[in-house]
Amino acid sequence: MGSYGTASSQSPKILFRQLFEKESSTYTYLLADVSHPDKPAVLIDPVDKTVDRDLSVVKELGLKLTYAMNTHVHADHVTGSGLIKSKVPEVKSVISKASGAKADVLIEHGDKIYFGDLFLETRATPGHTSGCVTYVTGDGPDQPQPKMAYTGDALLIRGCGRTDFQSGNSEQLYKSVHSQIFSLPKDTYIYPAHDYKGFTVSTVGEEMLYNLRLTKDEDTFKGIMANLNLAYPKMIDVAVPANLVCGYQDLIPKSC
C-alpha cells in the first residue's frame, strides 16, 4: 500500500491512496472527498483477493465507500466489486455499458460519477477491450489540480495494454489514447491499472515523450502490437466470465 503526496498535496479536499495486488500487479485506487461531512469514497479497479485489506483502509480512515468502479472487464484477475457489495450492500458497482458486464451503474462517455463535491468524468478509451474507459478528475476550482487520470490498461507507464483478446483493436487503442488521454493537460497524472516494473505514476507529458509504443506513428504501433507474441493471461478463463457478473450483487458466481 502506498500514498504519494505529489497528487493529493495539491488539493486538500481529496484523499488519495494507491494500493497494490502483487500476484496480478494490479493497482487499486481509493479516492475520497474528505471535506464533505460523510467523507464519501470510491475504489477504482478493486481485486477480489485484497477486498478485506481495502475495506479495512476505508474503515480506518473514516470514509463512506459509495462506488466500486472498474475501468474494464479484467482478464487477469477477478474484480472485487461483487465481494465488496456482499460486505457493504449500499456500495454501487460501476462499469462501462460497452463492456457487456452487469453492474448497478452502466456508464458511457461523458458520464460523471460524484463522490461528495468531487467527481470523475468518464472517457471511452476502447482498444485493449471494447469496453475500456478512463476516469479523469473533474474541471473546476474545487477539483484536484493537476488532474488525475485512471487509465486502466489503455495506457500503462511507458507502454499499453495488449489488443489480442476481448475485442481488442490496436488501431482503436491508438486513436483512444491520442484523442482522449494525450489531449489532457500535460501535467495530468497518469495512474494505470497495472505496472510490472515498479513504476507508480507518470504524466501525460512524460508518456507523450517516452512511451515506447504510443510515441510511434500508427502503422508502427500496429506492427508492434501484432508481434508481441504474449501468452494468454493465466486467469482469463476464470476472470472474464466472473467479471461479467461480479459487480452485480444478485449474480455473484461461486468463483467470486
Protein backbone atom coordinates (compact mmCIF):
# COMPACT_ATOMS: atom_id res chain seq x y z
CA MET A 1 0.00 0.00 0.00
CA GLY A 2 1.31 3.43 -0.82
CA SER A 3 0.37 7.06 -0.58
CA TYR A 4 2.02 9.54 -2.89
CA GLY A 5 1.79 13.18 -1.84
CA THR A 6 2.52 14.74 -5.23
CA ALA A 7 -1.09 14.40 -6.32
CA SER A 8 -3.01 14.77 -3.10
CA SER A 9 -0.95 17.68 -1.75
CA GLN A 10 -2.30 19.93 -4.49
CA SER A 11 -5.89 19.54 -3.28
CA PRO A 12 -6.63 19.21 0.44
CA LYS A 13 -10.19 18.16 -0.42
CA ILE A 14 -9.17 14.81 -1.86
CA LEU A 15 -7.73 11.84 -0.05
CA PHE A 16 -5.78 9.54 -2.36
CA ARG A 17 -4.31 6.10 -1.78
CA GLN A 18 -2.62 3.77 -4.25
CA LEU A 19 -2.97 0.09 -3.29
CA PHE A 20 -1.24 -2.91 -4.90
CA GLU A 21 -2.10 -6.58 -5.52
CA LYS A 22 1.18 -8.34 -6.25
CA GLU A 23 0.01 -11.54 -8.00
CA SER A 24 -1.64 -9.67 -10.88
CA SER A 25 0.46 -6.49 -10.42
CA THR A 26 -2.78 -4.52 -10.14
CA TYR A 27 -3.22 -1.06 -8.69
CA THR A 28 -6.43 -0.21 -6.86
CA TYR A 29 -7.10 3.45 -6.17
CA LEU A 30 -9.01 4.88 -3.22
CA LEU A 31 -10.30 8.45 -3.55
CA ALA A 32 -12.44 10.37 -1.07
CA ASP A 33 -13.81 13.87 -0.54
CA VAL A 34 -12.54 14.48 2.98
CA SER A 35 -14.01 17.99 3.13
CA HIS A 36 -17.53 16.54 2.92
CA PRO A 37 -19.24 15.58 6.22
CA ASP A 38 -19.74 11.99 5.07
CA LYS A 39 -16.26 11.58 3.53
CA PRO A 40 -17.66 9.68 0.52
CA ALA A 41 -15.15 7.48 -1.28
CA VAL A 42 -14.69 5.37 -4.41
CA LEU A 43 -12.46 2.39 -5.19
CA ILE A 44 -11.18 2.04 -8.75
CA ASP A 45 -10.28 -1.46 -10.01
CA PRO A 46 -10.62 -3.44 -6.77
CA VAL A 47 -9.29 -7.02 -6.74
CA ASP A 48 -11.13 -9.88 -5.04
CA LYS A 49 -8.04 -11.04 -3.12
CA THR A 50 -7.50 -7.67 -1.45
CA VAL A 51 -11.08 -6.67 -0.61
CA ASP A 52 -10.63 -7.17 3.13
CA ARG A 53 -7.49 -5.03 3.12
CA ASP A 54 -9.16 -2.29 1.09
CA LEU A 55 -12.28 -2.19 3.26
CA SER A 56 -10.08 -2.08 6.35
CA VAL A 57 -8.33 1.03 4.98
CA VAL A 58 -11.71 2.62 4.24
CA LYS A 59 -12.82 1.96 7.82
CA GLU A 60 -9.58 3.14 9.40
CA LEU A 61 -9.74 6.43 7.52
CA GLY A 62 -13.38 7.02 8.50
CA LEU A 63 -14.64 7.01 4.92
CA LYS A 64 -18.01 6.02 3.46
CA LEU A 65 -17.49 3.87 0.37
CA THR A 66 -20.09 4.68 -2.29
CA TYR A 67 -18.80 3.17 -5.55
CA ALA A 68 -16.66 0.21 -6.63
CA MET A 69 -15.57 1.18 -10.14
CA ASN A 70 -13.92 -0.83 -12.90
CA THR A 71 -12.05 0.53 -15.90
CA HIS A 72 -12.84 -2.61 -17.93
CA VAL A 73 -13.56 -6.34 -17.71
CA HIS A 74 -10.27 -7.69 -16.43
CA ALA A 75 -8.72 -10.84 -17.89
CA ASP A 76 -6.02 -11.37 -15.27
CA HIS A 77 -7.96 -11.15 -12.01
CA VAL A 78 -11.48 -11.22 -10.61
CA THR A 79 -12.82 -7.80 -9.69
CA GLY A 80 -13.55 -7.18 -6.04
CA SER A 81 -16.82 -5.38 -6.79
CA GLY A 82 -19.08 -8.32 -6.01
CA LEU A 83 -17.36 -9.15 -2.73
CA ILE A 84 -17.44 -5.52 -1.68
CA LYS A 85 -21.19 -5.38 -2.32
CA SER A 86 -21.71 -8.57 -0.30
CA LYS A 87 -19.94 -6.96 2.67
CA VAL A 88 -21.18 -3.36 2.19
CA PRO A 89 -24.53 -3.69 0.34
CA GLU A 90 -25.04 0.05 -0.14
CA VAL A 91 -21.98 0.29 -2.39
CA LYS A 92 -22.82 0.54 -6.10
CA SER A 93 -20.76 -1.22 -8.75
CA VAL A 94 -19.76 0.71 -11.87
CA ILE A 95 -18.54 -0.39 -15.31
CA SER A 96 -18.98 0.81 -18.88
CA LYS A 97 -22.12 -0.11 -20.77
CA ALA A 98 -19.97 -1.10 -23.74
CA SER A 99 -18.28 -3.81 -21.67
CA GLY A 100 -21.38 -6.01 -21.69
CA ALA A 101 -20.96 -6.65 -17.96
CA LYS A 102 -23.62 -6.29 -15.29
CA ALA A 103 -23.36 -3.55 -12.66
CA ASP A 104 -25.54 -1.14 -10.72
CA VAL A 105 -24.32 1.79 -12.81
CA LEU A 106 -23.51 1.37 -16.51
CA ILE A 107 -21.59 4.41 -17.69
CA GLU A 108 -20.92 5.92 -21.09
CA HIS A 109 -18.54 8.52 -22.47
CA GLY A 110 -19.03 11.86 -20.74
CA ASP A 111 -20.86 10.48 -17.70
CA LYS A 112 -19.78 11.75 -14.28
CA ILE A 113 -19.51 9.83 -11.02
CA TYR A 114 -19.83 12.12 -7.99
CA PHE A 115 -18.44 11.42 -4.52
CA GLY A 116 -19.24 14.39 -2.35
CA ASP A 117 -18.37 17.58 -4.21
CA LEU A 118 -15.73 15.83 -6.30
CA PHE A 119 -16.36 13.85 -9.47
CA LEU A 120 -14.74 11.62 -12.05
CA GLU A 121 -15.53 12.11 -15.73
CA THR A 122 -15.75 9.04 -17.95
CA ARG A 123 -13.75 8.96 -21.18
CA ALA A 124 -14.28 6.00 -23.50
CA THR A 125 -10.86 4.54 -24.36
CA PRO A 126 -11.55 1.22 -26.12
CA GLY A 127 -8.86 -0.81 -27.83
CA HIS A 128 -7.44 -3.05 -25.10
CA THR A 129 -11.02 -4.23 -24.74
CA SER A 130 -14.14 -2.84 -26.38
CA GLY A 131 -15.41 -1.52 -23.05
CA CYS A 132 -12.35 0.25 -21.60
CA VAL A 133 -12.82 3.65 -20.00
CA THR A 134 -10.52 6.18 -18.35
CA TYR A 135 -11.71 8.09 -15.28
CA VAL A 136 -10.47 11.69 -15.08
CA THR A 137 -10.84 14.06 -12.15
CA GLY A 138 -13.11 17.00 -12.93
CA ASP A 139 -12.74 20.56 -14.09
CA GLY A 140 -13.34 23.42 -11.70
CA PRO A 141 -11.62 25.37 -8.91
CA ASP A 142 -12.79 22.88 -6.27
CA GLN A 143 -11.49 19.85 -8.16
CA PRO A 144 -7.97 18.34 -7.82
CA GLN A 145 -5.19 20.08 -9.71
CA PRO A 146 -3.24 18.85 -11.56
CA LYS A 147 -5.81 16.44 -12.98
CA MET A 148 -5.56 12.71 -12.31
CA ALA A 149 -6.38 10.09 -14.96
CA TYR A 150 -7.07 6.46 -14.08
CA THR A 151 -6.33 4.79 -17.40
CA GLY A 152 -6.92 1.10 -16.70
CA ASP A 153 -4.96 -0.91 -19.29
CA ALA A 154 -5.43 1.55 -22.14
CA LEU A 155 -2.30 3.48 -21.16
CA LEU A 156 0.38 1.98 -18.95
CA ILE A 157 3.55 3.71 -17.85
CA ARG A 158 5.84 3.56 -20.90
CA GLY A 159 3.51 1.01 -22.50
CA CYS A 160 -0.12 -0.01 -23.08
CA GLY A 161 -2.45 -2.95 -22.76
CA ARG A 162 -2.41 -5.75 -25.33
CA THR A 163 -5.06 -5.87 -28.06
CA ASP A 164 -5.35 -9.56 -28.95
CA PHE A 165 -8.47 -10.58 -26.99
CA GLN A 166 -11.84 -9.26 -25.70
CA SER A 167 -12.50 -7.40 -28.96
CA GLY A 168 -9.16 -5.62 -28.72
CA ASN A 169 -8.13 -3.46 -31.64
CA SER A 170 -4.74 -1.75 -31.95
CA GLU A 171 -5.97 0.95 -34.34
CA GLN A 172 -8.80 1.79 -31.95
CA LEU A 173 -6.45 1.84 -28.95
CA TYR A 174 -4.05 4.22 -30.70
CA LYS A 175 -6.87 6.62 -31.51
CA SER A 176 -8.34 6.34 -28.00
CA VAL A 177 -5.11 7.23 -26.23
CA HIS A 178 -4.22 10.08 -28.56
CA SER A 179 -7.70 11.63 -28.59
CA GLN A 180 -8.87 11.03 -25.02
CA ILE A 181 -5.72 10.87 -22.87
CA PHE A 182 -2.97 12.72 -24.73
CA SER A 183 -5.44 15.58 -25.19
CA LEU A 184 -5.45 16.18 -21.42
CA PRO A 185 -3.14 18.82 -19.89
CA LYS A 186 0.46 17.62 -19.94
CA ASP A 187 0.76 17.80 -16.15
CA THR A 188 -2.16 15.36 -15.71
CA TYR A 189 -1.07 12.45 -13.52
CA ILE A 190 -1.39 9.01 -15.12
CA TYR A 191 -2.38 6.15 -12.82
CA PRO A 192 -2.65 2.80 -14.68
CA ALA A 193 -4.31 -0.43 -13.58
CA HIS A 194 -1.05 -2.38 -13.73
CA ASP A 195 2.68 -1.99 -13.59
CA TYR A 196 5.31 -4.71 -13.86
CA LYS A 197 8.49 -2.64 -13.45
CA GLY A 198 7.88 -0.76 -10.22
CA PHE A 199 6.55 2.48 -11.67
CA THR A 200 3.74 4.09 -9.70
CA VAL A 201 2.78 7.27 -11.57
CA SER A 202 3.53 9.18 -14.76
CA THR A 203 2.14 12.24 -16.53
CA VAL A 204 0.57 12.85 -19.91
CA GLY A 205 3.61 14.89 -20.92
CA GLU A 206 6.02 12.09 -19.98
CA GLU A 207 4.07 9.47 -21.89
CA MET A 208 3.85 11.68 -24.98
CA LEU A 209 7.65 11.84 -24.95
CA TYR A 210 8.77 8.47 -23.64
CA ASN A 211 6.05 5.85 -24.14
CA LEU A 212 7.77 3.04 -26.01
CA ARG A 213 4.75 2.25 -28.17
CA LEU A 214 2.43 5.23 -28.37
CA THR A 215 5.09 7.74 -29.43
CA LYS A 216 5.36 5.83 -32.72
CA ASP A 217 3.22 6.53 -35.78
CA GLU A 218 0.03 4.50 -36.06
CA ASP A 219 1.32 1.94 -38.56
CA THR A 220 4.43 1.25 -36.49
CA PHE A 221 2.28 0.92 -33.38
CA LYS A 222 0.00 -1.60 -35.10
CA GLY A 223 3.05 -3.61 -36.16
CA ILE A 224 4.40 -3.65 -32.61
CA MET A 225 1.07 -4.83 -31.21
CA ALA A 226 0.71 -7.55 -33.87
CA ASN A 227 4.06 -9.07 -32.95
CA LEU A 228 4.03 -9.13 -29.15
CA ASN A 229 3.51 -12.92 -29.09
CA LEU A 230 2.32 -12.90 -25.49
CA ALA A 231 0.85 -15.90 -23.69
CA TYR A 232 -2.79 -15.54 -22.69
CA PRO A 233 -3.37 -14.44 -19.10
CA LYS A 234 -3.45 -17.43 -16.77
CA MET A 235 -6.72 -16.25 -15.23
CA ILE A 236 -8.62 -15.38 -18.43
CA ASP A 237 -10.92 -18.41 -18.46
CA VAL A 238 -11.99 -17.71 -14.86
CA ALA A 239 -11.69 -13.95 -14.68
CA VAL A 240 -13.62 -12.86 -17.78
CA PRO A 241 -16.82 -14.92 -17.14
CA ALA A 242 -16.74 -13.98 -13.45
CA ASN A 243 -16.16 -10.29 -14.14
CA LEU A 244 -19.17 -10.07 -16.43
CA VAL A 245 -21.39 -10.53 -13.37
CA CYS A 246 -19.22 -9.95 -10.29
CA GLY A 247 -20.22 -6.36 -9.91
CA TYR A 248 -23.88 -7.26 -9.53
CA GLN A 249 -24.89 -8.37 -6.08
CA ASP A 250 -27.63 -10.82 -7.05
CA LEU A 251 -25.48 -12.64 -9.60
CA ILE A 252 -22.24 -13.26 -7.72
CA PRO A 253 -20.85 -16.61 -9.00
CA LYS A 254 -19.00 -19.05 -6.81
CA SER A 255 -15.70 -18.04 -8.40
CA CYS A 256 -16.01 -14.61 -6.78
